[in-house]
């Protein structure tokens, strides 16, 4: 049971960290690479506020990607955090020792 517990908790923590770091990466990438004025010829007409107030303009695909990452992926991280906490409580190694 120890290997399974470690595997499950490791996977959940890795998923949690990835889902919390991806929005940070995307935020900084958009802040430093996207234009600060609209560019209709490139389709960059969607306004976004990133990096604590910087206004940028992105195209529809980039806007949808940011919406997915900032809202839905972050929720997956919160769920993974909760599941990792539940797994730690459910598979408490000290409880196995106390039961014997």
PDB file of N, CA and C in Angstrom:
ATOM      1  N   UNK A   1       0.816  -1.197   0.000  1.00  0.00           N
ATOM      2  CA  UNK A   1       0.000   0.000   0.000  1.00  0.00           C
ATOM      3  C   UNK A   1       0.858   1.258   0.000  1.00  0.00           C
ATOM      4  N   UNK A   2       2.063   1.173   0.481  1.00  0.00           N
ATOM      5  CA  UNK A   2       2.938   2.334   0.553  1.00  0.00           C
ATOM      6  C   UNK A   2       3.319   2.870  -0.811  1.00  0.00           C
ATOM      7  N   UNK A   3       3.603   1.983  -1.762  1.00  0.00           N
ATOM      8  CA  UNK A   3       3.977   2.427  -3.110  1.00  0.00           C
ATOM      9  C   UNK A   3       2.814   3.116  -3.813  1.00  0.00           C
ATOM     10  N   UNK A   4       1.624   2.528  -3.667  1.00  0.00           N
ATOM     11  CA  UNK A   4       0.445   3.114  -4.305  1.00  0.00           C
ATOM     12  C   UNK A   4       0.156   4.495  -3.719  1.00  0.00           C
ATOM     13  N   UNK A   5       0.276   4.617  -2.409  1.00  0.00           N
ATOM     14  CA  UNK A   5       0.042   5.904  -1.748  1.00  0.00           C
ATOM     15  C   UNK A   5       1.019   6.951  -2.258  1.00  0.00           C
ATOM     16  N   UNK A   6       2.280   6.605  -2.318  1.00  0.00           N
ATOM     17  CA  UNK A   6       3.293   7.550  -2.793  1.00  0.00           C
ATOM     18  C   UNK A   6       3.051   7.930  -4.255  1.00  0.00           C
ATOM     19  N   UNK A   7       2.686   6.958  -5.070  1.00  0.00           N
ATOM     20  CA  UNK A   7       2.431   7.227  -6.482  1.00  0.00           C
ATOM     21  C   UNK A   7       1.245   8.172  -6.656  1.00  0.00           C
ATOM     22  N   UNK A   8       0.147   7.879  -5.976  1.00  0.00           N
ATOM     23  CA  UNK A   8      -1.053   8.706  -6.113  1.00  0.00           C
ATOM     24  C   UNK A   8      -0.778  10.129  -5.631  1.00  0.00           C
ATOM     25  N   UNK A   9      -0.152  10.265  -4.490  1.00  0.00           N
ATOM     26  CA  UNK A   9       0.125  11.592  -3.947  1.00  0.00           C
ATOM     27  C   UNK A   9       1.121  12.339  -4.835  1.00  0.00           C
ATOM     28  N   UNK A  10       2.120  11.642  -5.350  1.00  0.00           N
ATOM     29  CA  UNK A  10       3.096  12.287  -6.244  1.00  0.00           C
ATOM     30  C   UNK A  10       2.438  12.791  -7.514  1.00  0.00           C
ATOM     31  N   UNK A  11       1.566  11.995  -8.105  1.00  0.00           N
ATOM     32  CA  UNK A  11       0.875  12.404  -9.330  1.00  0.00           C
ATOM     33  C   UNK A  11      -0.028  13.599  -9.051  1.00  0.00           C
ATOM     34  N   UNK A  12      -0.767  13.563  -7.945  1.00  0.00           N
ATOM     35  CA  UNK A  12      -1.655  14.675  -7.617  1.00  0.00           C
ATOM     36  C   UNK A  12      -0.873  15.962  -7.347  1.00  0.00           C
ATOM     37  N   UNK A  13       0.225  15.857  -6.643  1.00  0.00           N
ATOM     38  CA  UNK A  13       1.036  17.052  -6.362  1.00  0.00           C
ATOM     39  C   UNK A  13       1.660  17.590  -7.647  1.00  0.00           C
ATOM     40  N   UNK A  14       2.127  16.710  -8.523  1.00  0.00           N
ATOM     41  CA  UNK A  14       2.697  17.153  -9.798  1.00  0.00           C
ATOM     42  C   UNK A  14       1.641  17.860 -10.659  1.00  0.00           C
ATOM     43  N   UNK A  15       0.450  17.298 -10.705  1.00  0.00           N
ATOM     44  CA  UNK A  15      -0.628  17.930 -11.473  1.00  0.00           C
ATOM     45  C   UNK A  15      -1.008  19.279 -10.861  1.00  0.00           C
ATOM     46  N   UNK A  16      -1.037  19.338  -9.537  1.00  0.00           N
ATOM     47  CA  UNK A  16      -1.367  20.583  -8.862  1.00  0.00           C
ATOM     48  C   UNK A  16      -0.330  21.662  -9.180  1.00  0.00           C
ATOM     49  N   UNK A  17       0.948  21.312  -9.069  1.00  0.00           N
ATOM     50  CA  UNK A  17       2.002  22.288  -9.342  1.00  0.00           C
ATOM     51  C   UNK A  17       1.957  22.761 -10.794  1.00  0.00           C
ATOM     52  N   UNK A  18       1.751  21.836 -11.710  1.00  0.00           N
ATOM     53  CA  UNK A  18       1.680  22.208 -13.125  1.00  0.00           C
ATOM     54  C   UNK A  18       0.490  23.131 -13.395  1.00  0.00           C
ATOM     55  N   UNK A  19      -0.641  22.833 -12.779  1.00  0.00           N
ATOM     56  CA  UNK A  19      -1.824  23.650 -13.038  1.00  0.00           C
ATOM     57  C   UNK A  19      -1.746  25.010 -12.350  1.00  0.00           C
ATOM     58  N   UNK A  20      -0.904  25.162 -11.338  1.00  0.00           N
ATOM     59  CA  UNK A  20      -0.706  26.469 -10.725  1.00  0.00           C
ATOM     60  C   UNK A  20       0.398  27.264 -11.427  1.00  0.00           C
ATOM     61  N   UNK A  21       1.365  26.579 -12.019  1.00  0.00           N
ATOM     62  CA  UNK A  21       2.467  27.275 -12.680  1.00  0.00           C
ATOM     63  C   UNK A  21       2.144  27.662 -14.125  1.00  0.00           C
ATOM     64  N   UNK A  22       1.267  26.913 -14.792  1.00  0.00           N
ATOM     65  CA  UNK A  22       0.924  27.211 -16.175  1.00  0.00           C
ATOM     66  C   UNK A  22       0.316  28.611 -16.318  1.00  0.00           C
ATOM     67  N   UNK A  23      -0.625  29.012 -15.478  1.00  0.00           N
ATOM     68  CA  UNK A  23      -1.140  30.380 -15.607  1.00  0.00           C
ATOM     69  C   UNK A  23      -0.063  31.445 -15.378  1.00  0.00           C
ATOM     70  N   UNK A  24       0.855  31.208 -14.477  1.00  0.00           N
ATOM     71  CA  UNK A  24       1.938  32.166 -14.233  1.00  0.00           C
ATOM     72  C   UNK A  24       2.807  32.284 -15.478  1.00  0.00           C
ATOM     73  N   UNK A  25       3.148  31.157 -16.062  1.00  0.00           N
ATOM     74  CA  UNK A  25       3.958  31.157 -17.282  1.00  0.00           C
ATOM     75  C   UNK A  25       3.242  31.890 -18.417  1.00  0.00           C
ATOM     76  N   UNK A  26       1.962  31.573 -18.605  1.00  0.00           N
ATOM     77  CA  UNK A  26       1.206  32.190 -19.690  1.00  0.00           C
ATOM     78  C   UNK A  26       1.061  33.697 -19.467  1.00  0.00           C
ATOM     79  N   UNK A  27       0.827  34.100 -18.238  1.00  0.00           N
ATOM     80  CA  UNK A  27       0.687  35.509 -17.911  1.00  0.00           C
ATOM     81  C   UNK A  27       1.959  36.280 -18.266  1.00  0.00           C
ATOM     82  N   UNK A  28       3.091  35.754 -17.863  1.00  0.00           N
ATOM     83  CA  UNK A  28       4.361  36.437 -18.157  1.00  0.00           C
ATOM     84  C   UNK A  28       4.704  36.383 -19.646  1.00  0.00           C
ATOM     85  N   UNK A  29       4.422  35.271 -20.279  1.00  0.00           N
ATOM     86  CA  UNK A  29       4.692  35.163 -21.715  1.00  0.00           C
ATOM     87  C   UNK A  29       3.855  36.160 -22.497  1.00  0.00           C
ATOM     88  N   UNK A  30       2.572  36.230 -22.190  1.00  0.00           N
ATOM     89  CA  UNK A  30       1.701  37.183 -22.886  1.00  0.00           C
ATOM     90  C   UNK A  30       2.136  38.617 -22.594  1.00  0.00           C
ATOM     91  N   UNK A  31       2.512  38.910 -21.367  1.00  0.00           N
ATOM     92  CA  UNK A  31       2.872  40.279 -20.992  1.00  0.00           C
ATOM     93  C   UNK A  31       4.074  40.785 -21.772  1.00  0.00           C
ATOM     94  N   UNK A  32       4.999  39.903 -22.080  1.00  0.00           N
ATOM     95  CA  UNK A  32       6.236  40.344 -22.727  1.00  0.00           C
ATOM     96  C   UNK A  32       6.280  40.114 -24.235  1.00  0.00           C
ATOM     97  N   UNK A  33       5.307  39.362 -24.788  1.00  0.00           N
ATOM     98  CA  UNK A  33       5.369  39.080 -26.222  1.00  0.00           C
ATOM     99  C   UNK A  33       4.197  39.633 -27.020  1.00  0.00           C
ATOM    100  N   UNK A  34       3.115  39.994 -26.372  1.00  0.00           N
ATOM    101  CA  UNK A  34       1.932  40.457 -27.098  1.00  0.00           C
ATOM    102  C   UNK A  34       1.956  41.981 -27.240  1.00  0.00           C
ATOM    103  N   UNK A  35       1.338  42.485 -28.302  1.00  0.00           N
ATOM    104  CA  UNK A  35       1.336  43.938 -28.526  1.00  0.00           C
ATOM    105  C   UNK A  35       0.456  44.675 -27.508  1.00  0.00           C
ATOM    106  N   UNK A  36       0.824  45.925 -27.251  1.00  0.00           N
ATOM    107  CA  UNK A  36       0.077  46.733 -26.286  1.00  0.00           C
ATOM    108  C   UNK A  36      -0.962  47.637 -26.958  1.00  0.00           C
ATOM    109  N   UNK A  37      -1.105  47.501 -28.252  1.00  0.00           N
ATOM    110  CA  UNK A  37      -2.155  48.223 -28.974  1.00  0.00           C
ATOM    111  C   UNK A  37      -2.818  47.229 -29.926  1.00  0.00           C
ATOM    112  N   UNK A  38      -4.094  47.474 -30.258  1.00  0.00           N
ATOM    113  CA  UNK A  38      -4.785  46.526 -31.138  1.00  0.00           C
ATOM    114  C   UNK A  38      -4.152  46.478 -32.530  1.00  0.00           C
ATOM    115  N   UNK A  39      -4.130  45.288 -33.085  1.00  0.00           N
ATOM    116  CA  UNK A  39      -3.613  45.088 -34.443  1.00  0.00           C
ATOM    117  C   UNK A  39      -4.641  44.276 -35.231  1.00  0.00           C
ATOM    118  N   UNK A  40      -5.618  44.959 -35.815  1.00  0.00           N
ATOM    119  CA  UNK A  40      -6.697  44.261 -36.527  1.00  0.00           C
ATOM    120  C   UNK A  40      -6.205  43.408 -37.698  1.00  0.00           C
ATOM    121  N   UNK A  41      -5.101  43.814 -38.329  1.00  0.00           N
ATOM    122  CA  UNK A  41      -4.580  43.041 -39.452  1.00  0.00           C
ATOM    123  C   UNK A  41      -4.090  41.661 -39.012  1.00  0.00           C
ATOM    124  N   UNK A  42      -3.683  41.519 -37.755  1.00  0.00           N
ATOM    125  CA  UNK A  42      -3.240  40.230 -37.203  1.00  0.00           C
ATOM    126  C   UNK A  42      -4.352  39.536 -36.413  1.00  0.00           C
ATOM    127  N   UNK A  43      -5.492  40.193 -36.302  1.00  0.00           N
ATOM    128  CA  UNK A  43      -6.590  39.626 -35.525  1.00  0.00           C
ATOM    129  C   UNK A  43      -6.438  39.843 -34.024  1.00  0.00           C
ATOM    130  N   UNK A  44      -5.503  40.642 -33.627  1.00  0.00           N
ATOM    131  CA  UNK A  44      -5.262  40.893 -32.194  1.00  0.00           C
ATOM    132  C   UNK A  44      -6.124  42.075 -31.743  1.00  0.00           C
ATOM    133  N   UNK A  45      -7.394  41.752 -31.484  1.00  0.00           N
ATOM    134  CA  UNK A  45      -8.356  42.783 -31.096  1.00  0.00           C
ATOM    135  C   UNK A  45      -8.965  42.513 -29.722  1.00  0.00           C
ATOM    136  N   UNK A  46      -8.615  41.398 -29.116  1.00  0.00           N
ATOM    137  CA  UNK A  46      -9.171  41.050 -27.812  1.00  0.00           C
ATOM    138  C   UNK A  46      -8.268  41.606 -26.711  1.00  0.00           C
ATOM    139  N   UNK A  47      -8.837  42.466 -25.891  1.00  0.00           N
ATOM    140  CA  UNK A  47      -8.083  43.145 -24.836  1.00  0.00           C
ATOM    141  C   UNK A  47      -7.982  42.246 -23.606  1.00  0.00           C
ATOM    142  N   UNK A  48      -6.792  42.170 -23.046  1.00  0.00           N
ATOM    143  CA  UNK A  48      -6.562  41.421 -21.806  1.00  0.00           C
ATOM    144  C   UNK A  48      -5.686  42.257 -20.883  1.00  0.00           C
ATOM    145  N   UNK A  49      -5.895  42.070 -19.598  1.00  0.00           N
ATOM    146  CA  UNK A  49      -5.046  42.707 -18.595  1.00  0.00           C
ATOM    147  C   UNK A  49      -4.218  41.603 -17.957  1.00  0.00           C
ATOM    148  N   UNK A  50      -2.894  41.720 -18.067  1.00  0.00           N
ATOM    149  CA  UNK A  50      -1.987  40.707 -17.533  1.00  0.00           C
ATOM    150  C   UNK A  50      -0.909  41.381 -16.698  1.00  0.00           C
ATOM    151  N   UNK A  51      -0.195  40.581 -15.954  1.00  0.00           N
ATOM    152  CA  UNK A  51       0.985  41.031 -15.202  1.00  0.00           C
ATOM    153  C   UNK A  51       0.699  42.287 -14.376  1.00  0.00           C
ATOM    154  N   UNK A  52      -0.336  42.221 -13.568  1.00  0.00           N
ATOM    155  CA  UNK A  52      -0.682  43.284 -12.622  1.00  0.00           C
ATOM    156  C   UNK A  52      -1.003  44.612 -13.295  1.00  0.00           C
ATOM    157  N   UNK A  53      -1.753  44.561 -14.389  1.00  0.00           N
ATOM    158  CA  UNK A  53      -2.243  45.794 -14.990  1.00  0.00           C
ATOM    159  C   UNK A  53      -1.779  46.120 -16.388  1.00  0.00           C
ATOM    160  N   UNK A  54      -0.895  45.351 -16.960  1.00  0.00           N
ATOM    161  CA  UNK A  54      -0.454  45.608 -18.336  1.00  0.00           C
ATOM    162  C   UNK A  54      -1.569  45.215 -19.304  1.00  0.00           C
ATOM    163  N   UNK A  55      -1.895  46.101 -20.208  1.00  0.00           N
ATOM    164  CA  UNK A  55      -2.940  45.830 -21.195  1.00  0.00           C
ATOM    165  C   UNK A  55      -2.281  45.330 -22.469  1.00  0.00           C
ATOM    166  N   UNK A  56      -2.769  44.184 -22.953  1.00  0.00           N
ATOM    167  CA  UNK A  56      -2.268  43.608 -24.203  1.00  0.00           C
ATOM    168  C   UNK A  56      -3.455  43.253 -25.088  1.00  0.00           C
ATOM    169  N   UNK A  57      -3.150  42.936 -26.331  1.00  0.00           N
ATOM    170  CA  UNK A  57      -4.179  42.543 -27.278  1.00  0.00           C
ATOM    171  C   UNK A  57      -3.778  41.215 -27.909  1.00  0.00           C
ATOM    172  N   UNK A  58      -4.725  40.278 -27.930  1.00  0.00           N
ATOM    173  CA  UNK A  58      -4.474  38.932 -28.446  1.00  0.00           C
ATOM    174  C   UNK A  58      -5.533  38.581 -29.472  1.00  0.00           C
ATOM    175  N   UNK A  59      -5.277  37.496 -30.213  1.00  0.00           N
ATOM    176  CA  UNK A  59      -6.297  37.033 -31.155  1.00  0.00           C
ATOM    177  C   UNK A  59      -7.266  36.091 -30.430  1.00  0.00           C
ATOM    178  N   UNK A  60      -8.266  35.629 -31.143  1.00  0.00           N
ATOM    179  CA  UNK A  60      -9.320  34.826 -30.502  1.00  0.00           C
ATOM    180  C   UNK A  60      -8.783  33.512 -29.927  1.00  0.00           C
ATOM    181  N   UNK A  61      -7.899  32.855 -30.655  1.00  0.00           N
ATOM    182  CA  UNK A  61      -7.339  31.587 -30.176  1.00  0.00           C
ATOM    183  C   UNK A  61      -6.553  31.789 -28.877  1.00  0.00           C
ATOM    184  N   UNK A  62      -5.743  32.810 -28.834  1.00  0.00           N
ATOM    185  CA  UNK A  62      -4.955  33.098 -27.634  1.00  0.00           C
ATOM    186  C   UNK A  62      -5.858  33.508 -26.470  1.00  0.00           C
ATOM    187  N   UNK A  63      -6.931  34.227 -26.784  1.00  0.00           N
ATOM    188  CA  UNK A  63      -7.874  34.637 -25.750  1.00  0.00           C
ATOM    189  C   UNK A  63      -8.576  33.423 -25.142  1.00  0.00           C
ATOM    190  N   UNK A  64      -8.996  32.495 -25.990  1.00  0.00           N
ATOM    191  CA  UNK A  64      -9.648  31.271 -25.486  1.00  0.00           C
ATOM    192  C   UNK A  64      -8.673  30.419 -24.679  1.00  0.00           C
ATOM    193  N   UNK A  65      -7.425  30.338 -25.134  1.00  0.00           N
ATOM    194  CA  UNK A  65      -6.414  29.584 -24.394  1.00  0.00           C
ATOM    195  C   UNK A  65      -6.201  30.194 -23.012  1.00  0.00           C
ATOM    196  N   UNK A  66      -6.118  31.507 -22.948  1.00  0.00           N
ATOM    197  CA  UNK A  66      -5.930  32.177 -21.662  1.00  0.00           C
ATOM    198  C   UNK A  66      -7.132  31.956 -20.751  1.00  0.00           C
ATOM    199  N   UNK A  67      -8.320  31.998 -21.309  1.00  0.00           N
ATOM    200  CA  UNK A  67      -9.520  31.757 -20.509  1.00  0.00           C
ATOM    201  C   UNK A  67      -9.501  30.344 -19.923  1.00  0.00           C
ATOM    202  N   UNK A  68      -9.128  29.378 -20.734  1.00  0.00           N
ATOM    203  CA  UNK A  68      -9.032  27.992 -20.267  1.00  0.00           C
ATOM    204  C   UNK A  68      -8.002  27.858 -19.149  1.00  0.00           C
ATOM    205  N   UNK A  69      -6.838  28.412 -19.361  1.00  0.00           N
ATOM    206  CA  UNK A  69      -5.749  28.269 -18.388  1.00  0.00           C
ATOM    207  C   UNK A  69      -6.052  29.011 -17.095  1.00  0.00           C
ATOM    208  N   UNK A  70      -6.508  30.249 -17.195  1.00  0.00           N
ATOM    209  CA  UNK A  70      -6.714  31.064 -15.993  1.00  0.00           C
ATOM    210  C   UNK A  70      -7.912  30.615 -15.171  1.00  0.00           C
ATOM    211  N   UNK A  71      -8.910  30.029 -15.801  1.00  0.00           N
ATOM    212  CA  UNK A  71     -10.118  29.692 -15.057  1.00  0.00           C
ATOM    213  C   UNK A  71     -10.292  28.192 -14.812  1.00  0.00           C
ATOM    214  N   UNK A  72     -10.178  27.388 -15.836  1.00  0.00           N
ATOM    215  CA  UNK A  72     -10.481  25.969 -15.673  1.00  0.00           C
ATOM    216  C   UNK A  72      -9.291  25.149 -15.171  1.00  0.00           C
ATOM    217  N   UNK A  73      -8.118  25.414 -15.683  1.00  0.00           N
ATOM    218  CA  UNK A  73      -6.935  24.674 -15.249  1.00  0.00           C
ATOM    219  C   UNK A  73      -6.633  24.966 -13.778  1.00  0.00           C
ATOM    220  N   UNK A  74      -6.869  26.194 -13.353  1.00  0.00           N
ATOM    221  CA  UNK A  74      -6.655  26.533 -11.941  1.00  0.00           C
ATOM    222  C   UNK A  74      -7.595  25.737 -11.043  1.00  0.00           C
ATOM    223  N   UNK A  75      -8.818  25.504 -11.496  1.00  0.00           N
ATOM    224  CA  UNK A  75      -9.754  24.685 -10.718  1.00  0.00           C
ATOM    225  C   UNK A  75      -9.269  23.247 -10.604  1.00  0.00           C
ATOM    226  N   UNK A  76      -8.653  22.740 -11.660  1.00  0.00           N
ATOM    227  CA  UNK A  76      -8.099  21.388 -11.604  1.00  0.00           C
ATOM    228  C   UNK A  76      -7.011  21.320 -10.540  1.00  0.00           C
ATOM    229  N   UNK A  77      -6.205  22.355 -10.430  1.00  0.00           N
ATOM    230  CA  UNK A  77      -5.174  22.403  -9.399  1.00  0.00           C
ATOM    231  C   UNK A  77      -5.754  22.384  -8.000  1.00  0.00           C
ATOM    232  N   UNK A  78      -6.845  23.118  -7.800  1.00  0.00           N
ATOM    233  CA  UNK A  78      -7.498  23.136  -6.494  1.00  0.00           C
ATOM    234  C   UNK A  78      -8.066  21.760  -6.159  1.00  0.00           C
ATOM    235  N   UNK A  79      -8.667  21.100  -7.138  1.00  0.00           N
ATOM    236  CA  UNK A  79      -9.201  19.755  -6.920  1.00  0.00           C
ATOM    237  C   UNK A  79      -8.072  18.776  -6.600  1.00  0.00           C
ATOM    238  N   UNK A  80      -6.958  18.867  -7.314  1.00  0.00           N
ATOM    239  CA  UNK A  80      -5.820  17.982  -7.037  1.00  0.00           C
ATOM    240  C   UNK A  80      -5.268  18.221  -5.630  1.00  0.00           C
ATOM    241  N   UNK A  81      -5.236  19.472  -5.205  1.00  0.00           N
ATOM    242  CA  UNK A  81      -4.789  19.783  -3.854  1.00  0.00           C
ATOM    243  C   UNK A  81      -5.706  19.130  -2.821  1.00  0.00           C
ATOM    244  N   UNK A  82      -7.005  19.243  -3.029  1.00  0.00           N
ATOM    245  CA  UNK A  82      -7.961  18.608  -2.115  1.00  0.00           C
ATOM    246  C   UNK A  82      -7.842  17.101  -2.107  1.00  0.00           C
ATOM    247  N   UNK A  83      -7.696  16.504  -3.283  1.00  0.00           N
ATOM    248  CA  UNK A  83      -7.560  15.048  -3.357  1.00  0.00           C
ATOM    249  C   UNK A  83      -6.263  14.570  -2.714  1.00  0.00           C
ATOM    250  N   UNK A  84      -5.193  15.341  -2.867  1.00  0.00           N
ATOM    251  CA  UNK A  84      -3.934  14.974  -2.215  1.00  0.00           C
ATOM    252  C   UNK A  84      -4.087  15.042  -0.697  1.00  0.00           C
ATOM    253  N   UNK A  85      -4.788  16.042  -0.207  1.00  0.00           N
ATOM    254  CA  UNK A  85      -5.051  16.137   1.228  1.00  0.00           C
ATOM    255  C   UNK A  85      -5.878  14.976   1.733  1.00  0.00           C
ATOM    256  N   UNK A  86      -6.891  14.617   0.984  1.00  0.00           N
ATOM    257  CA  UNK A  86      -7.727  13.468   1.364  1.00  0.00           C
ATOM    258  C   UNK A  86      -6.905  12.185   1.345  1.00  0.00           C
ATOM    259  N   UNK A  87      -6.066  12.029   0.325  1.00  0.00           N
ATOM    260  CA  UNK A  87      -5.232  10.828   0.238  1.00  0.00           C
ATOM    261  C   UNK A  87      -4.262  10.747   1.411  1.00  0.00           C
ATOM    262  N   UNK A  88      -3.704  11.882   1.817  1.00  0.00           N
ATOM    263  CA  UNK A  88      -2.792  11.883   2.964  1.00  0.00           C
ATOM    264  C   UNK A  88      -3.516  11.488   4.247  1.00  0.00           C
ATOM    265  N   UNK A  89      -4.738  11.950   4.414  1.00  0.00           N
ATOM    266  CA  UNK A  89      -5.501  11.598   5.615  1.00  0.00           C
ATOM    267  C   UNK A  89      -5.963  10.151   5.546  1.00  0.00           C
ATOM    268  N   UNK A  90      -6.438   9.729   4.392  1.00  0.00           N
ATOM    269  CA  UNK A  90      -6.959   8.367   4.235  1.00  0.00           C
ATOM    270  C   UNK A  90      -5.849   7.331   4.370  1.00  0.00           C
ATOM    271  N   UNK A  91      -4.711   7.612   3.767  1.00  0.00           N
ATOM    272  CA  UNK A  91      -3.588   6.676   3.809  1.00  0.00           C
ATOM    273  C   UNK A  91      -2.522   7.139   4.791  1.00  0.00           C
ATOM    274  N   UNK A  92      -2.918   7.536   5.945  1.00  0.00           N
ATOM    275  CA  UNK A  92      -1.979   7.994   6.963  1.00  0.00           C
ATOM    276  C   UNK A  92      -1.124   6.816   7.422  1.00  0.00           C
ATOM    277  N   UNK A  93       0.191   6.865   7.194  1.00  0.00           N
ATOM    278  CA  UNK A  93       1.036   5.733   7.571  1.00  0.00           C
ATOM    279  C   UNK A  93       1.077   5.524   9.086  1.00  0.00           C
ATOM    280  N   UNK A  94       0.922   6.565   9.866  1.00  0.00           N
ATOM    281  CA  UNK A  94       0.915   6.390  11.326  1.00  0.00           C
ATOM    282  C   UNK A  94      -0.329   5.657  11.794  1.00  0.00           C
ATOM    283  N   UNK A  95      -1.449   5.810  11.071  1.00  0.00           N
ATOM    284  CA  UNK A  95      -2.670   5.102  11.455  1.00  0.00           C
ATOM    285  C   UNK A  95      -2.489   3.596  11.235  1.00  0.00           C
ATOM    286  N   UNK A  96      -1.693   3.218  10.206  1.00  0.00           N
ATOM    287  CA  UNK A  96      -1.423   1.792   9.977  1.00  0.00           C
ATOM    288  C   UNK A  96      -0.626   1.217  11.123  1.00  0.00           C
ATOM    289  N   UNK A  97       0.328   1.970  11.652  1.00  0.00           N
ATOM    290  CA  UNK A  97       1.151   1.499  12.757  1.00  0.00           C
ATOM    291  C   UNK A  97       0.328   1.395  14.033  1.00  0.00           C
ATOM    292  N   UNK A  98      -0.541   2.395  14.286  1.00  0.00           N
ATOM    293  CA  UNK A  98      -1.370   2.413  15.478  1.00  0.00           C
ATOM    294  C   UNK A  98      -2.387   1.271  15.484  1.00  0.00           C
ATOM    295  N   UNK A  99      -2.855   0.877  14.303  1.00  0.00           N
ATOM    296  CA  UNK A  99      -3.859  -0.178  14.211  1.00  0.00           C
ATOM    297  C   UNK A  99      -3.277  -1.547  14.523  1.00  0.00           C
ATOM    298  N   UNK A 100      -1.955  -1.724  14.364  1.00  0.00           N
ATOM    299  CA  UNK A 100      -1.345  -3.028  14.573  1.00  0.00           C
ATOM    300  C   UNK A 100      -1.094  -3.257  15.990  1.00  0.00           C
TER     301      UNK A 100
END
